[in-house]
């Protein structure tokens, strides 16, 4: 799958929340159906978009399973697997607002 709403260029061009949530749910359906729980996420820009996508995926997965989420913990999980991961305050805020958007009625 390719996220077409995420423009190439700077990471600050983050997709809107509903688009990213759509792709996260599509990936989750694919994971449950075909991949035995494994996914590979790649991007054309040194992994920054992939890191944000995986942190968002982990946060949403935990929120759905436990009705509890820790955005900082989701980012730490990504950073523990990839030592060159860089998250800016803008990225943390984006992930936090994504969770709030998902939880809003």
PDB file of N, CA and C in Angstrom:
ATOM      1  N   UNK A   1       0.845  -1.179   0.000  1.00  0.00           N
ATOM      2  CA  UNK A   1       0.000   0.000   0.000  1.00  0.00           C
ATOM      3  C   UNK A   1       0.881   1.231   0.000  1.00  0.00           C
ATOM      4  N   UNK A   2       0.417   2.260  -0.602  1.00  0.00           N
ATOM      5  CA  UNK A   2       1.156   3.514  -0.630  1.00  0.00           C
ATOM      6  C   UNK A   2       0.249   4.627  -0.114  1.00  0.00           C
ATOM      7  N   UNK A   3       0.768   5.390   0.818  1.00  0.00           N
ATOM      8  CA  UNK A   3       0.009   6.524   1.329  1.00  0.00           C
ATOM      9  C   UNK A   3       0.202   7.674   0.363  1.00  0.00           C
ATOM     10  N   UNK A   4      -0.827   7.989  -0.366  1.00  0.00           N
ATOM     11  CA  UNK A   4      -0.725   9.017  -1.395  1.00  0.00           C
ATOM     12  C   UNK A   4      -0.984  10.414  -0.851  1.00  0.00           C
ATOM     13  N   UNK A   5      -1.590  10.527   0.321  1.00  0.00           N
ATOM     14  CA  UNK A   5      -1.871  11.848   0.883  1.00  0.00           C
ATOM     15  C   UNK A   5      -0.667  12.438   1.608  1.00  0.00           C
ATOM     16  N   UNK A   6       0.388  11.657   1.747  1.00  0.00           N
ATOM     17  CA  UNK A   6       1.575  12.118   2.443  1.00  0.00           C
ATOM     18  C   UNK A   6       2.575  12.571   1.394  1.00  0.00           C
ATOM     19  N   UNK A   7       2.649  13.847   1.182  1.00  0.00           N
ATOM     20  CA  UNK A   7       3.472  14.402   0.109  1.00  0.00           C
ATOM     21  C   UNK A   7       4.947  14.126   0.354  1.00  0.00           C
ATOM     22  N   UNK A   8       5.669  13.869  -0.738  1.00  0.00           N
ATOM     23  CA  UNK A   8       7.114  13.775  -0.623  1.00  0.00           C
ATOM     24  C   UNK A   8       7.643  15.159  -0.297  1.00  0.00           C
ATOM     25  N   UNK A   9       8.749  15.206   0.364  1.00  0.00           N
ATOM     26  CA  UNK A   9       9.297  16.487   0.802  1.00  0.00           C
ATOM     27  C   UNK A   9       9.477  16.451   2.296  1.00  0.00           C
ATOM     28  N   UNK A  10       9.180  17.542   2.938  1.00  0.00           N
ATOM     29  CA  UNK A  10       9.417  17.644   4.369  1.00  0.00           C
ATOM     30  C   UNK A  10       8.382  16.848   5.143  1.00  0.00           C
ATOM     31  N   UNK A  11       8.791  16.349   6.315  1.00  0.00           N
ATOM     32  CA  UNK A  11       7.892  15.582   7.169  1.00  0.00           C
ATOM     33  C   UNK A  11       6.773  16.465   7.714  1.00  0.00           C
ATOM     34  N   UNK A  12       6.988  17.773   7.762  1.00  0.00           N
ATOM     35  CA  UNK A  12       5.951  18.640   8.317  1.00  0.00           C
ATOM     36  C   UNK A  12       4.658  18.579   7.505  1.00  0.00           C
ATOM     37  N   UNK A  13       4.713  18.072   6.289  1.00  0.00           N
ATOM     38  CA  UNK A  13       3.518  17.890   5.476  1.00  0.00           C
ATOM     39  C   UNK A  13       2.813  16.601   5.884  1.00  0.00           C
ATOM     40  N   UNK A  14       2.389  16.549   7.130  1.00  0.00           N
ATOM     41  CA  UNK A  14       1.756  15.350   7.662  1.00  0.00           C
ATOM     42  C   UNK A  14       0.343  15.220   7.103  1.00  0.00           C
ATOM     43  N   UNK A  15      -0.107  13.978   6.891  1.00  0.00           N
ATOM     44  CA  UNK A  15      -1.466  13.794   6.363  1.00  0.00           C
ATOM     45  C   UNK A  15      -2.504  14.211   7.401  1.00  0.00           C
ATOM     46  N   UNK A  16      -3.702  14.536   6.928  1.00  0.00           N
ATOM     47  CA  UNK A  16      -4.751  14.873   7.891  1.00  0.00           C
ATOM     48  C   UNK A  16      -5.107  13.616   8.677  1.00  0.00           C
ATOM     49  N   UNK A  17      -5.693  13.826   9.840  1.00  0.00           N
ATOM     50  CA  UNK A  17      -5.931  12.726  10.774  1.00  0.00           C
ATOM     51  C   UNK A  17      -6.828  11.641  10.198  1.00  0.00           C
ATOM     52  N   UNK A  18      -7.907  12.020   9.530  1.00  0.00           N
ATOM     53  CA  UNK A  18      -8.831  11.004   9.009  1.00  0.00           C
ATOM     54  C   UNK A  18      -8.165  10.151   7.931  1.00  0.00           C
ATOM     55  N   UNK A  19      -7.304  10.748   7.110  1.00  0.00           N
ATOM     56  CA  UNK A  19      -6.605   9.976   6.078  1.00  0.00           C
ATOM     57  C   UNK A  19      -5.645   8.975   6.709  1.00  0.00           C
ATOM     58  N   UNK A  20      -4.873   9.430   7.697  1.00  0.00           N
ATOM     59  CA  UNK A  20      -3.930   8.513   8.332  1.00  0.00           C
ATOM     60  C   UNK A  20      -4.669   7.399   9.066  1.00  0.00           C
ATOM     61  N   UNK A  21      -5.766   7.730   9.741  1.00  0.00           N
ATOM     62  CA  UNK A  21      -6.538   6.688  10.425  1.00  0.00           C
ATOM     63  C   UNK A  21      -7.105   5.677   9.438  1.00  0.00           C
ATOM     64  N   UNK A  22      -7.496   6.140   8.260  1.00  0.00           N
ATOM     65  CA  UNK A  22      -7.974   5.225   7.224  1.00  0.00           C
ATOM     66  C   UNK A  22      -6.866   4.241   6.841  1.00  0.00           C
ATOM     67  N   UNK A  23      -5.662   4.744   6.608  1.00  0.00           N
ATOM     68  CA  UNK A  23      -4.549   3.866   6.228  1.00  0.00           C
ATOM     69  C   UNK A  23      -4.140   2.945   7.367  1.00  0.00           C
ATOM     70  N   UNK A  24      -4.174   3.450   8.594  1.00  0.00           N
ATOM     71  CA  UNK A  24      -3.853   2.589   9.734  1.00  0.00           C
ATOM     72  C   UNK A  24      -4.838   1.431   9.839  1.00  0.00           C
ATOM     73  N   UNK A  25      -6.123   1.711   9.622  1.00  0.00           N
ATOM     74  CA  UNK A  25      -7.106   0.616   9.692  1.00  0.00           C
ATOM     75  C   UNK A  25      -6.948  -0.344   8.523  1.00  0.00           C
ATOM     76  N   UNK A  26      -6.569   0.169   7.349  1.00  0.00           N
ATOM     77  CA  UNK A  26      -6.328  -0.712   6.205  1.00  0.00           C
ATOM     78  C   UNK A  26      -5.135  -1.625   6.466  1.00  0.00           C
ATOM     79  N   UNK A  27      -4.092  -1.086   7.050  1.00  0.00           N
ATOM     80  CA  UNK A  27      -2.924  -1.904   7.391  1.00  0.00           C
ATOM     81  C   UNK A  27      -3.312  -2.947   8.430  1.00  0.00           C
ATOM     82  N   UNK A  28      -4.087  -2.561   9.425  1.00  0.00           N
ATOM     83  CA  UNK A  28      -4.503  -3.509  10.459  1.00  0.00           C
ATOM     84  C   UNK A  28      -5.323  -4.646   9.862  1.00  0.00           C
ATOM     85  N   UNK A  29      -6.218  -4.341   8.933  1.00  0.00           N
ATOM     86  CA  UNK A  29      -6.994  -5.406   8.267  1.00  0.00           C
ATOM     87  C   UNK A  29      -6.062  -6.339   7.493  1.00  0.00           C
ATOM     88  N   UNK A  30      -5.073  -5.772   6.828  1.00  0.00           N
ATOM     89  CA  UNK A  30      -4.113  -6.579   6.068  1.00  0.00           C
ATOM     90  C   UNK A  30      -3.290  -7.466   7.002  1.00  0.00           C
ATOM     91  N   UNK A  31      -2.870  -6.908   8.123  1.00  0.00           N
ATOM     92  CA  UNK A  31      -2.081  -7.664   9.096  1.00  0.00           C
ATOM     93  C   UNK A  31      -2.890  -8.843   9.622  1.00  0.00           C
ATOM     94  N   UNK A  32      -4.127  -8.604   9.945  1.00  0.00           N
ATOM     95  CA  UNK A  32      -4.973  -9.680  10.473  1.00  0.00           C
ATOM     96  C   UNK A  32      -5.263 -10.746   9.431  1.00  0.00           C
ATOM     97  N   UNK A  33      -5.313 -10.343   8.169  1.00  0.00           N
ATOM     98  CA  UNK A  33      -5.686 -11.284   7.121  1.00  0.00           C
ATOM     99  C   UNK A  33      -4.549 -12.084   6.546  1.00  0.00           C
ATOM    100  N   UNK A  34      -3.407 -11.450   6.266  1.00  0.00           N
ATOM    101  CA  UNK A  34      -2.397 -12.107   5.446  1.00  0.00           C
ATOM    102  C   UNK A  34      -1.010 -12.258   6.056  1.00  0.00           C
ATOM    103  N   UNK A  35      -0.595 -11.344   6.877  1.00  0.00           N
ATOM    104  CA  UNK A  35       0.837 -11.226   7.152  1.00  0.00           C
ATOM    105  C   UNK A  35       1.312 -11.867   8.446  1.00  0.00           C
ATOM    106  N   UNK A  36       0.454 -12.566   9.110  1.00  0.00           N
ATOM    107  CA  UNK A  36       0.835 -13.209  10.372  1.00  0.00           C
ATOM    108  C   UNK A  36       1.371 -12.187  11.375  1.00  0.00           C
ATOM    109  N   UNK A  37       0.832 -10.976  11.355  1.00  0.00           N
ATOM    110  CA  UNK A  37       1.207  -9.960  12.325  1.00  0.00           C
ATOM    111  C   UNK A  37       2.441  -9.162  11.997  1.00  0.00           C
ATOM    112  N   UNK A  38       3.010  -9.355  10.807  1.00  0.00           N
ATOM    113  CA  UNK A  38       4.241  -8.651  10.455  1.00  0.00           C
ATOM    114  C   UNK A  38       3.979  -7.650   9.339  1.00  0.00           C
ATOM    115  N   UNK A  39       4.583  -6.472   9.489  1.00  0.00           N
ATOM    116  CA  UNK A  39       4.495  -5.472   8.434  1.00  0.00           C
ATOM    117  C   UNK A  39       5.878  -4.869   8.210  1.00  0.00           C
ATOM    118  N   UNK A  40       6.077  -4.346   7.034  1.00  0.00           N
ATOM    119  CA  UNK A  40       7.307  -3.634   6.695  1.00  0.00           C
ATOM    120  C   UNK A  40       6.887  -2.275   6.158  1.00  0.00           C
ATOM    121  N   UNK A  41       7.382  -1.219   6.785  1.00  0.00           N
ATOM    122  CA  UNK A  41       7.038   0.141   6.379  1.00  0.00           C
ATOM    123  C   UNK A  41       8.303   0.815   5.885  1.00  0.00           C
ATOM    124  N   UNK A  42       8.213   1.395   4.695  1.00  0.00           N
ATOM    125  CA  UNK A  42       9.372   2.063   4.106  1.00  0.00           C
ATOM    126  C   UNK A  42       8.947   3.444   3.634  1.00  0.00           C
ATOM    127  N   UNK A  43       9.902   4.348   3.581  1.00  0.00           N
ATOM    128  CA  UNK A  43       9.638   5.636   2.960  1.00  0.00           C
ATOM    129  C   UNK A  43      10.881   6.102   2.223  1.00  0.00           C
ATOM    130  N   UNK A  44      10.699   7.130   1.439  1.00  0.00           N
ATOM    131  CA  UNK A  44      11.788   7.605   0.588  1.00  0.00           C
ATOM    132  C   UNK A  44      12.642   8.670   1.264  1.00  0.00           C
ATOM    133  N   UNK A  45      12.371   8.962   2.513  1.00  0.00           N
ATOM    134  CA  UNK A  45      13.063  10.045   3.200  1.00  0.00           C
ATOM    135  C   UNK A  45      13.652   9.584   4.526  1.00  0.00           C
ATOM    136  N   UNK A  46      14.674   8.858   4.520  1.00  0.00           N
ATOM    137  CA  UNK A  46      15.445   8.440   5.692  1.00  0.00           C
ATOM    138  C   UNK A  46      14.633   7.884   6.860  1.00  0.00           C
ATOM    139  N   UNK A  47      13.444   7.399   6.620  1.00  0.00           N
ATOM    140  CA  UNK A  47      12.684   6.711   7.654  1.00  0.00           C
ATOM    141  C   UNK A  47      11.833   7.571   8.553  1.00  0.00           C
ATOM    142  N   UNK A  48      11.843   8.871   8.416  1.00  0.00           N
ATOM    143  CA  UNK A  48      11.087   9.723   9.346  1.00  0.00           C
ATOM    144  C   UNK A  48       9.590   9.506   9.219  1.00  0.00           C
ATOM    145  N   UNK A  49       9.086   9.388   8.008  1.00  0.00           N
ATOM    146  CA  UNK A  49       7.654   9.138   7.834  1.00  0.00           C
ATOM    147  C   UNK A  49       7.285   7.751   8.339  1.00  0.00           C
ATOM    148  N   UNK A  50       8.140   6.786   8.072  1.00  0.00           N
ATOM    149  CA  UNK A  50       7.889   5.428   8.548  1.00  0.00           C
ATOM    150  C   UNK A  50       7.854   5.391  10.073  1.00  0.00           C
ATOM    151  N   UNK A  51       8.757   6.121  10.721  1.00  0.00           N
ATOM    152  CA  UNK A  51       8.781   6.164  12.184  1.00  0.00           C
ATOM    153  C   UNK A  51       7.485   6.744  12.736  1.00  0.00           C
ATOM    154  N   UNK A  52       7.013   7.828  12.135  1.00  0.00           N
ATOM    155  CA  UNK A  52       5.764   8.447  12.589  1.00  0.00           C
ATOM    156  C   UNK A  52       4.593   7.494  12.348  1.00  0.00           C
ATOM    157  N   UNK A  53       4.578   6.839  11.194  1.00  0.00           N
ATOM    158  CA  UNK A  53       3.502   5.901  10.879  1.00  0.00           C
ATOM    159  C   UNK A  53       3.472   4.749  11.888  1.00  0.00           C
ATOM    160  N   UNK A  54       4.626   4.177  12.180  1.00  0.00           N
ATOM    161  CA  UNK A  54       4.679   3.052  13.125  1.00  0.00           C
ATOM    162  C   UNK A  54       4.305   3.496  14.532  1.00  0.00           C
ATOM    163  N   UNK A  55       4.747   4.673  14.965  1.00  0.00           N
ATOM    164  CA  UNK A  55       4.354   5.177  16.290  1.00  0.00           C
ATOM    165  C   UNK A  55       2.839   5.363  16.351  1.00  0.00           C
ATOM    166  N   UNK A  56       2.242   5.896  15.281  1.00  0.00           N
ATOM    167  CA  UNK A  56       0.788   6.061  15.234  1.00  0.00           C
ATOM    168  C   UNK A  56       0.092   4.700  15.235  1.00  0.00           C
ATOM    169  N   UNK A  57       0.620   3.753  14.478  1.00  0.00           N
ATOM    170  CA  UNK A  57       0.044   2.406  14.424  1.00  0.00           C
ATOM    171  C   UNK A  57       0.073   1.760  15.812  1.00  0.00           C
ATOM    172  N   UNK A  58       1.215   1.858  16.491  1.00  0.00           N
ATOM    173  CA  UNK A  58       1.340   1.286  17.838  1.00  0.00           C
ATOM    174  C   UNK A  58       0.384   1.949  18.822  1.00  0.00           C
ATOM    175  N   UNK A  59       0.263   3.278  18.751  1.00  0.00           N
ATOM    176  CA  UNK A  59      -0.637   3.999  19.654  1.00  0.00           C
ATOM    177  C   UNK A  59      -2.091   3.582  19.427  1.00  0.00           C
ATOM    178  N   UNK A  60      -2.509   3.507  18.170  1.00  0.00           N
ATOM    179  CA  UNK A  60      -3.894   3.134  17.870  1.00  0.00           C
ATOM    180  C   UNK A  60      -4.175   1.685  18.261  1.00  0.00           C
ATOM    181  N   UNK A  61      -3.199   0.817  18.044  1.00  0.00           N
ATOM    182  CA  UNK A  61      -3.372  -0.592  18.403  1.00  0.00           C
ATOM    183  C   UNK A  61      -3.561  -0.739  19.919  1.00  0.00           C
ATOM    184  N   UNK A  62      -2.749  -0.021  20.676  1.00  0.00           N
ATOM    185  CA  UNK A  62      -2.863  -0.086  22.135  1.00  0.00           C
ATOM    186  C   UNK A  62      -4.177   0.543  22.593  1.00  0.00           C
ATOM    187  N   UNK A  63      -4.567   1.649  21.991  1.00  0.00           N
ATOM    188  CA  UNK A  63      -5.820   2.305  22.352  1.00  0.00           C
ATOM    189  C   UNK A  63      -7.009   1.391  22.087  1.00  0.00           C
ATOM    190  N   UNK A  64      -7.014   0.705  20.954  1.00  0.00           N
ATOM    191  CA  UNK A  64      -8.105  -0.216  20.638  1.00  0.00           C
ATOM    192  C   UNK A  64      -8.137  -1.412  21.574  1.00  0.00           C
ATOM    193  N   UNK A  65      -6.966  -1.909  21.966  1.00  0.00           N
ATOM    194  CA  UNK A  65      -6.904  -3.107  22.803  1.00  0.00           C
ATOM    195  C   UNK A  65      -7.162  -2.804  24.278  1.00  0.00           C
ATOM    196  N   UNK A  66      -6.601  -1.702  24.769  1.00  0.00           N
ATOM    197  CA  UNK A  66      -6.625  -1.445  26.212  1.00  0.00           C
ATOM    198  C   UNK A  66      -7.394  -0.199  26.618  1.00  0.00           C
ATOM    199  N   UNK A  67      -7.904   0.547  25.646  1.00  0.00           N
ATOM    200  CA  UNK A  67      -8.563   1.821  25.917  1.00  0.00           C
ATOM    201  C   UNK A  67      -7.634   2.768  26.689  1.00  0.00           C
ATOM    202  N   UNK A  68      -6.355   2.638  26.426  1.00  0.00           N
ATOM    203  CA  UNK A  68      -5.321   3.419  27.094  1.00  0.00           C
ATOM    204  C   UNK A  68      -4.193   3.619  26.097  1.00  0.00           C
ATOM    205  N   UNK A  69      -3.610   4.791  26.079  1.00  0.00           N
ATOM    206  CA  UNK A  69      -2.520   5.025  25.139  1.00  0.00           C
ATOM    207  C   UNK A  69      -1.488   5.943  25.779  1.00  0.00           C
ATOM    208  N   UNK A  70      -0.241   5.699  25.419  1.00  0.00           N
ATOM    209  CA  UNK A  70       0.875   6.518  25.870  1.00  0.00           C
ATOM    210  C   UNK A  70       1.663   6.894  24.619  1.00  0.00           C
ATOM    211  N   UNK A  71       1.463   8.119  24.143  1.00  0.00           N
ATOM    212  CA  UNK A  71       2.124   8.556  22.912  1.00  0.00           C
ATOM    213  C   UNK A  71       3.632   8.511  23.091  1.00  0.00           C
ATOM    214  N   UNK A  72       4.115   8.979  24.224  1.00  0.00           N
ATOM    215  CA  UNK A  72       5.549   8.962  24.483  1.00  0.00           C
ATOM    216  C   UNK A  72       6.079   7.532  24.450  1.00  0.00           C
ATOM    217  N   UNK A  73       5.343   6.593  25.047  1.00  0.00           N
ATOM    218  CA  UNK A  73       5.754   5.190  25.034  1.00  0.00           C
ATOM    219  C   UNK A  73       5.774   4.608  23.633  1.00  0.00           C
ATOM    220  N   UNK A  74       4.818   5.012  22.795  1.00  0.00           N
ATOM    221  CA  UNK A  74       4.798   4.540  21.411  1.00  0.00           C
ATOM    222  C   UNK A  74       6.019   5.032  20.652  1.00  0.00           C
ATOM    223  N   UNK A  75       6.406   6.284  20.900  1.00  0.00           N
ATOM    224  CA  UNK A  75       7.593   6.842  20.258  1.00  0.00           C
ATOM    225  C   UNK A  75       8.850   6.152  20.777  1.00  0.00           C
ATOM    226  N   UNK A  76       8.920   5.916  22.088  1.00  0.00           N
ATOM    227  CA  UNK A  76      10.087   5.225  22.655  1.00  0.00           C
ATOM    228  C   UNK A  76      10.253   3.836  22.069  1.00  0.00           C
ATOM    229  N   UNK A  77       9.134   3.156  21.831  1.00  0.00           N
ATOM    230  CA  UNK A  77       9.191   1.823  21.230  1.00  0.00           C
ATOM    231  C   UNK A  77       9.830   1.878  19.846  1.00  0.00           C
ATOM    232  N   UNK A  78       9.433   2.867  19.045  1.00  0.00           N
ATOM    233  CA  UNK A  78      10.027   3.027  17.714  1.00  0.00           C
ATOM    234  C   UNK A  78      11.507   3.363  17.836  1.00  0.00           C
ATOM    235  N   UNK A  79      11.833   4.272  18.735  1.00  0.00           N
ATOM    236  CA  UNK A  79      13.229   4.699  18.890  1.00  0.00           C
ATOM    237  C   UNK A  79      14.119   3.578  19.413  1.00  0.00           C
ATOM    238  N   UNK A  80      13.554   2.657  20.193  1.00  0.00           N
ATOM    239  CA  UNK A  80      14.363   1.544  20.702  1.00  0.00           C
ATOM    240  C   UNK A  80      14.724   0.555  19.597  1.00  0.00           C
ATOM    241  N   UNK A  81      13.924   0.526  18.538  1.00  0.00           N
ATOM    242  CA  UNK A  81      14.186  -0.391  17.422  1.00  0.00           C
ATOM    243  C   UNK A  81      15.016   0.250  16.317  1.00  0.00           C
ATOM    244  N   UNK A  82      15.051   1.572  16.303  1.00  0.00           N
ATOM    245  CA  UNK A  82      15.783   2.294  15.268  1.00  0.00           C
ATOM    246  C   UNK A  82      16.539   3.441  15.935  1.00  0.00           C
ATOM    247  N   UNK A  83      17.815   3.255  16.103  1.00  0.00           N
ATOM    248  CA  UNK A  83      18.608   4.210  16.879  1.00  0.00           C
ATOM    249  C   UNK A  83      18.704   5.586  16.226  1.00  0.00           C
ATOM    250  N   UNK A  84      18.453   5.694  14.937  1.00  0.00           N
ATOM    251  CA  UNK A  84      18.556   6.999  14.282  1.00  0.00           C
ATOM    252  C   UNK A  84      17.201   7.686  14.123  1.00  0.00           C
ATOM    253  N   UNK A  85      16.189   7.225  14.839  1.00  0.00           N
ATOM    254  CA  UNK A  85      14.873   7.862  14.791  1.00  0.00           C
ATOM    255  C   UNK A  85      14.934   9.238  15.445  1.00  0.00           C
ATOM    256  N   UNK A  86      14.297  10.190  14.800  1.00  0.00           N
ATOM    257  CA  UNK A  86      14.244  11.549  15.339  1.00  0.00           C
ATOM    258  C   UNK A  86      12.785  11.987  15.346  1.00  0.00           C
ATOM    259  N   UNK A  87      12.290  12.358  16.510  1.00  0.00           N
ATOM    260  CA  UNK A  87      10.936  12.874  16.640  1.00  0.00           C
ATOM    261  C   UNK A  87      11.022  14.297  17.165  1.00  0.00           C
ATOM    262  N   UNK A  88      10.371  15.198  16.473  1.00  0.00           N
ATOM    263  CA  UNK A  88      10.342  16.591  16.896  1.00  0.00           C
ATOM    264  C   UNK A  88       9.114  16.821  17.769  1.00  0.00           C
ATOM    265  N   UNK A  89       9.066  17.973  18.395  1.00  0.00           N
ATOM    266  CA  UNK A  89       7.892  18.324  19.186  1.00  0.00           C
ATOM    267  C   UNK A  89       6.653  18.360  18.286  1.00  0.00           C
ATOM    268  N   UNK A  90       6.823  18.791  17.044  1.00  0.00           N
ATOM    269  CA  UNK A  90       5.704  18.808  16.093  1.00  0.00           C
ATOM    270  C   UNK A  90       5.183  17.384  15.842  1.00  0.00           C
ATOM    271  N   UNK A  91       6.089  16.406  15.774  1.00  0.00           N
ATOM    272  CA  UNK A  91       5.681  15.013  15.565  1.00  0.00           C
ATOM    273  C   UNK A  91       4.913  14.474  16.769  1.00  0.00           C
ATOM    274  N   UNK A  92       5.409  14.782  17.998  1.00  0.00           N
ATOM    275  CA  UNK A  92       4.698  14.360  19.207  1.00  0.00           C
ATOM    276  C   UNK A  92       3.304  14.976  19.246  1.00  0.00           C
ATOM    277  N   UNK A  93       3.220  16.258  18.942  1.00  0.00           N
ATOM    278  CA  UNK A  93       1.939  16.952  18.962  1.00  0.00           C
ATOM    279  C   UNK A  93       0.988  16.364  17.921  1.00  0.00           C
ATOM    280  N   UNK A  94       1.510  16.041  16.753  1.00  0.00           N
ATOM    281  CA  UNK A  94       0.697  15.415  15.709  1.00  0.00           C
ATOM    282  C   UNK A  94       0.118  14.085  16.203  1.00  0.00           C
ATOM    283  N   UNK A  95       0.962  13.254  16.811  1.00  0.00           N
ATOM    284  CA  UNK A  95       0.502  11.947  17.303  1.00  0.00           C
ATOM    285  C   UNK A  95      -0.524  12.115  18.419  1.00  0.00           C
ATOM    286  N   UNK A  96      -0.270  13.046  19.321  1.00  0.00           N
ATOM    287  CA  UNK A  96      -1.207  13.308  20.410  1.00  0.00           C
ATOM    288  C   UNK A  96      -2.559  13.755  19.850  1.00  0.00           C
ATOM    289  N   UNK A  97      -2.537  14.689  18.907  1.00  0.00           N
ATOM    290  CA  UNK A  97      -3.790  15.172  18.306  1.00  0.00           C
ATOM    291  C   UNK A  97      -4.478  14.096  17.478  1.00  0.00           C
ATOM    292  N   UNK A  98      -3.709  13.189  16.887  1.00  0.00           N
ATOM    293  CA  UNK A  98      -4.300  12.064  16.163  1.00  0.00           C
ATOM    294  C   UNK A  98      -5.111  11.195  17.119  1.00  0.00           C
ATOM    295  N   UNK A  99      -4.563  10.921  18.283  1.00  0.00           N
ATOM    296  CA  UNK A  99      -5.282  10.129  19.292  1.00  0.00           C
ATOM    297  C   UNK A  99      -6.547  10.866  19.744  1.00  0.00           C
ATOM    298  N   UNK A 100      -6.425  12.166  20.012  1.00  0.00           N
ATOM    299  CA  UNK A 100      -7.594  12.948  20.414  1.00  0.00           C
ATOM    300  C   UNK A 100      -8.662  12.939  19.322  1.00  0.00           C
ATOM    301  N   UNK A 101      -8.253  13.076  18.066  1.00  0.00           N
ATOM    302  CA  UNK A 101      -9.187  13.044  16.943  1.00  0.00           C
ATOM    303  C   UNK A 101      -9.897  11.697  16.890  1.00  0.00           C
ATOM    304  N   UNK A 102      -9.157  10.626  17.074  1.00  0.00           N
ATOM    305  CA  UNK A 102      -9.737   9.282  17.044  1.00  0.00           C
ATOM    306  C   UNK A 102     -10.750   9.091  18.169  1.00  0.00           C
ATOM    307  N   UNK A 103     -10.474   9.657  19.331  1.00  0.00           N
ATOM    308  CA  UNK A 103     -11.339   9.480  20.493  1.00  0.00           C
ATOM    309  C   UNK A 103     -12.539  10.424  20.494  1.00  0.00           C
ATOM    310  N   UNK A 104     -12.504  11.469  19.677  1.00  0.00           N
ATOM    311  CA  UNK A 104     -13.609  12.433  19.695  1.00  0.00           C
ATOM    312  C   UNK A 104     -14.867  11.818  19.094  1.00  0.00           C
ATOM    313  N   UNK A 105     -16.033  12.203  19.645  1.00  0.00           N
ATOM    314  CA  UNK A 105     -17.291  11.625  19.157  1.00  0.00           C
ATOM    315  C   UNK A 105     -17.689  12.103  17.787  1.00  0.00           C
TER     316      UNK A 105
END
